[in-house]
Protein backbone atom coordinates (compact mmCIF):
# COMPACT_ATOMS: atom_id res chain seq x y z
CA MET A 1 76.92 114.18 159.50
CA VAL A 2 79.26 116.08 157.21
CA ARG A 3 78.17 119.59 156.19
CA ARG A 4 78.39 118.65 152.51
CA GLU A 5 75.84 115.88 153.03
CA ILE A 6 73.45 118.22 154.85
CA ILE A 7 73.63 120.68 151.94
CA LYS A 8 72.91 117.87 149.46
CA GLN A 9 69.91 116.74 151.50
CA ALA A 10 68.49 120.27 151.78
CA ARG A 11 68.74 120.91 148.04
CA THR A 12 67.24 117.54 147.27
CA LEU A 13 64.36 118.21 149.68
CA MET A 14 63.67 121.48 147.87
CA LEU A 15 63.54 119.77 144.50
CA ARG A 16 61.38 116.91 145.81
CA SER A 17 58.96 119.40 147.38
CA LEU A 18 58.68 121.31 144.13
CA ASP A 19 58.24 118.04 142.21
CA LYS A 20 55.13 117.28 144.30
CA VAL A 21 53.38 120.42 143.03
CA TYR A 22 54.86 120.51 139.49
CA PRO A 23 54.00 122.31 137.19
CA SER A 24 52.91 124.76 139.88
CA GLY A 25 55.37 126.17 142.37
CA LEU A 26 55.61 127.04 146.03
CA MET A 27 55.74 130.51 147.52
CA VAL A 28 59.08 131.27 149.15
CA LYS A 29 57.36 131.23 152.56
CA GLN A 30 55.85 127.78 151.93
CA LEU A 31 59.15 126.32 150.77
CA TYR A 32 60.86 127.76 153.83
CA GLN A 33 58.24 126.12 156.09
CA VAL A 34 58.91 122.76 154.45
CA MET A 35 62.63 123.16 155.04
CA CYS A 36 62.11 124.20 158.69
CA ALA A 37 59.83 121.22 159.30
CA VAL A 38 62.79 118.95 158.56
CA ASP A 39 65.51 121.15 160.11
CA PRO A 40 64.33 123.73 162.68
CA GLY A 41 67.75 125.42 162.46
CA TYR A 42 67.35 126.19 158.76
CA ASP A 43 67.30 129.94 158.05
CA PHE A 44 66.84 132.31 155.13
CA ASP A 45 70.59 132.73 154.63
CA LEU A 46 70.89 129.02 153.94
CA MET A 47 67.79 129.11 151.78
CA LYS A 48 69.28 131.91 149.66
CA LYS A 49 72.40 129.84 149.07
CA ASP A 50 70.41 126.74 148.16
CA VAL A 51 68.03 128.61 145.86
CA ALA A 52 71.00 130.42 144.27
CA TYR A 53 72.66 127.09 143.46
CA LEU A 54 69.46 125.61 142.05
CA MET A 55 68.80 128.75 139.96
CA GLU A 56 72.38 128.82 138.67
CA LYS A 57 72.08 125.22 137.54
CA GLY A 58 68.73 125.97 135.87
CA TYR A 59 66.76 123.60 138.11
CA VAL A 60 64.39 126.24 139.49
CA VAL A 61 63.13 129.70 138.56
CA MET A 62 61.69 132.50 140.66
CA VAL A 63 58.45 134.02 139.46
CA LYS A 64 56.65 137.03 140.87
CA ILE A 65 53.81 139.24 139.81
CA GLY A 66 54.96 141.18 136.81
CA GLY A 67 57.88 138.98 135.80
CA SER A 68 60.75 136.88 136.96
CA GLY A 69 62.13 137.06 140.46
CA THR A 70 65.64 137.24 141.81
CA LEU A 71 67.48 136.11 144.92
CA ALA A 72 66.42 139.40 146.51
CA ASP A 73 62.93 137.88 146.62
CA VAL A 74 64.02 135.19 149.07
CA HIS A 75 62.77 136.74 152.31
CA LYS A 76 59.98 136.15 154.83
CA ASP A 77 57.43 138.50 153.28
CA SER A 78 58.04 137.52 149.68
CA LEU A 79 55.16 136.80 147.33
CA ALA A 80 57.54 135.23 144.80
CA VAL A 81 57.07 131.62 143.76
CA VAL A 82 59.82 129.05 143.24
CA LYS A 83 59.07 126.69 140.36
CA LEU A 84 60.80 123.57 139.12
CA THR A 85 62.09 123.75 135.54
CA CYS A 86 62.14 120.92 133.03
CA THR A 87 65.85 120.43 133.77
CA GLY A 88 65.10 120.27 137.50
CA LEU A 89 62.40 117.71 136.80
CA GLU A 90 64.91 115.57 134.90
CA VAL A 91 67.31 115.72 137.84
CA ILE A 92 64.71 114.77 140.44
CA GLN A 93 63.49 111.92 138.23
CA SER A 94 67.09 110.65 137.90
CA LEU A 95 67.22 111.28 134.14
CA ARG A 96 70.14 113.67 134.65
CA HIS A 97 72.87 113.38 137.30
CA ASP A 98 74.18 116.13 139.55
CA PRO A 99 76.88 115.06 142.02
CA ALA A 100 76.00 118.01 144.29
CA LEU A 101 72.55 116.50 144.97
CA GLU A 102 71.50 113.35 146.76
CA ILE A 103 69.02 111.77 144.37
């Protein structure tokens, strides 16, 4: 499979996982476990890139105690939560198209 397709699938899996718990979110650790269940080779470097893309597009936000989180919160011991935004919800429900995702 082409690397581009794998990236699309990973980002889509993240959004679908967050859609299942919307309007709540998933802790970084929980989201990472979901990703590893599908791809045991998935690591935090890839997760940072995927979360960065989704945050840049406005599809997800990071929340932590005391305010909003950043990409620095994407690590194994993080208590930050990744939440789907309304825009992300529109994408996952096919109301908005993003060619970089496989919806």
